[in-house]
Amino acid sequence: MRKFINTLKERFERTVIMMAMLFSQRVILGKCEFEQVPKKLKKQVAGILIDECGMPELVPAEFGGTAA
C-alpha cells in the first residue's frame, strides 16, 4: 500500500512540475500574462522563468522578478 501511495505522490508532483513548465512557456510566448497563472503554480512558474529561462522581467517583484 505504501508503494502505491508513493507512486501516486510522485505522479502528482511530476504533473505539477509539467503544469508549471507549460504556464512558463505560455508566459514567454505571450499567450497569457503572469497574473493569469493559477495561484498555486505562481511560485514554481516564477522559479522556472527566473532560474531556468533567465527572464526575471516577466515575473512580478513579489515573486522575485523585476516586472513592475
Protein backbone atom coordinates (compact mmCIF):
# COMPACT_ATOMS: atom_id res chain seq x y z
CA MET A 1 0.00 0.00 0.00
CA ARG A 2 2.83 2.40 0.84
CA LYS A 3 4.40 1.81 -2.58
CA PHE A 4 1.10 2.70 -4.26
CA ILE A 5 0.80 5.93 -2.26
CA ASN A 6 4.40 6.90 -3.10
CA THR A 7 3.73 6.24 -6.78
CA LEU A 8 0.65 8.47 -6.69
CA LYS A 9 2.60 11.19 -4.89
CA GLU A 10 5.40 11.09 -7.47
CA ARG A 11 2.94 11.29 -10.36
CA PHE A 12 1.19 14.25 -8.77
CA GLU A 13 4.50 16.07 -8.22
CA ARG A 14 5.52 15.46 -11.85
CA THR A 15 2.15 16.76 -13.02
CA VAL A 16 2.58 19.96 -11.02
CA ILE A 17 6.06 20.48 -12.49
CA MET A 18 4.80 19.91 -16.02
CA MET A 19 1.91 22.36 -15.50
CA ALA A 20 4.35 24.97 -14.19
CA MET A 21 6.55 24.45 -17.26
CA LEU A 22 3.51 24.77 -19.53
CA PHE A 23 2.46 28.06 -17.95
CA SER A 24 6.06 29.32 -18.10
CA GLN A 25 6.12 28.73 -21.85
CA ARG A 26 2.74 30.41 -22.26
CA VAL A 27 4.02 33.50 -20.42
CA ILE A 28 7.21 33.58 -22.52
CA LEU A 29 5.25 33.27 -25.76
CA GLY A 30 2.80 35.99 -24.69
CA LYS A 31 -0.21 33.66 -24.75
CA CYS A 32 -1.03 34.63 -21.14
CA GLU A 33 0.17 37.06 -18.50
CA PHE A 34 1.81 36.02 -15.24
CA GLU A 35 -1.31 37.22 -13.40
CA GLN A 36 -3.34 34.55 -15.25
CA VAL A 37 -1.22 31.71 -13.87
CA PRO A 38 -3.13 29.73 -11.21
CA LYS A 39 -2.27 30.89 -7.70
CA LYS A 40 -0.90 27.51 -6.61
CA LEU A 41 1.56 27.44 -9.55
CA LYS A 42 2.87 31.02 -9.42
CA LYS A 43 5.84 30.22 -7.17
CA GLN A 44 7.00 27.34 -9.40
CA VAL A 45 6.41 29.32 -12.61
CA ALA A 46 8.37 32.27 -11.19
CA GLY A 47 11.25 29.95 -10.33
CA ILE A 48 11.31 28.48 -13.83
CA LEU A 49 11.15 31.88 -15.52
CA ILE A 50 13.91 33.35 -13.36
CA ASP A 51 16.29 30.44 -12.79
CA GLU A 52 15.92 28.30 -15.90
CA CYS A 53 14.89 30.80 -18.57
CA GLY A 54 16.69 33.91 -17.29
CA MET A 55 13.65 36.15 -17.75
CA PRO A 56 13.01 37.93 -14.44
CA GLU A 57 11.39 40.81 -16.35
CA LEU A 58 8.29 38.63 -16.81
CA VAL A 59 7.89 37.97 -13.08
CA PRO A 60 6.43 40.49 -10.58
CA ALA A 61 8.70 41.72 -7.80
CA GLU A 62 6.67 39.90 -5.12
CA PHE A 63 7.85 36.61 -6.66
CA GLY A 64 11.48 37.71 -7.06
CA GLY A 65 11.31 39.19 -10.56
CA THR A 66 11.83 42.68 -11.89
CA ALA A 67 8.44 43.37 -13.53
CA ALA A 68 6.55 46.35 -12.18
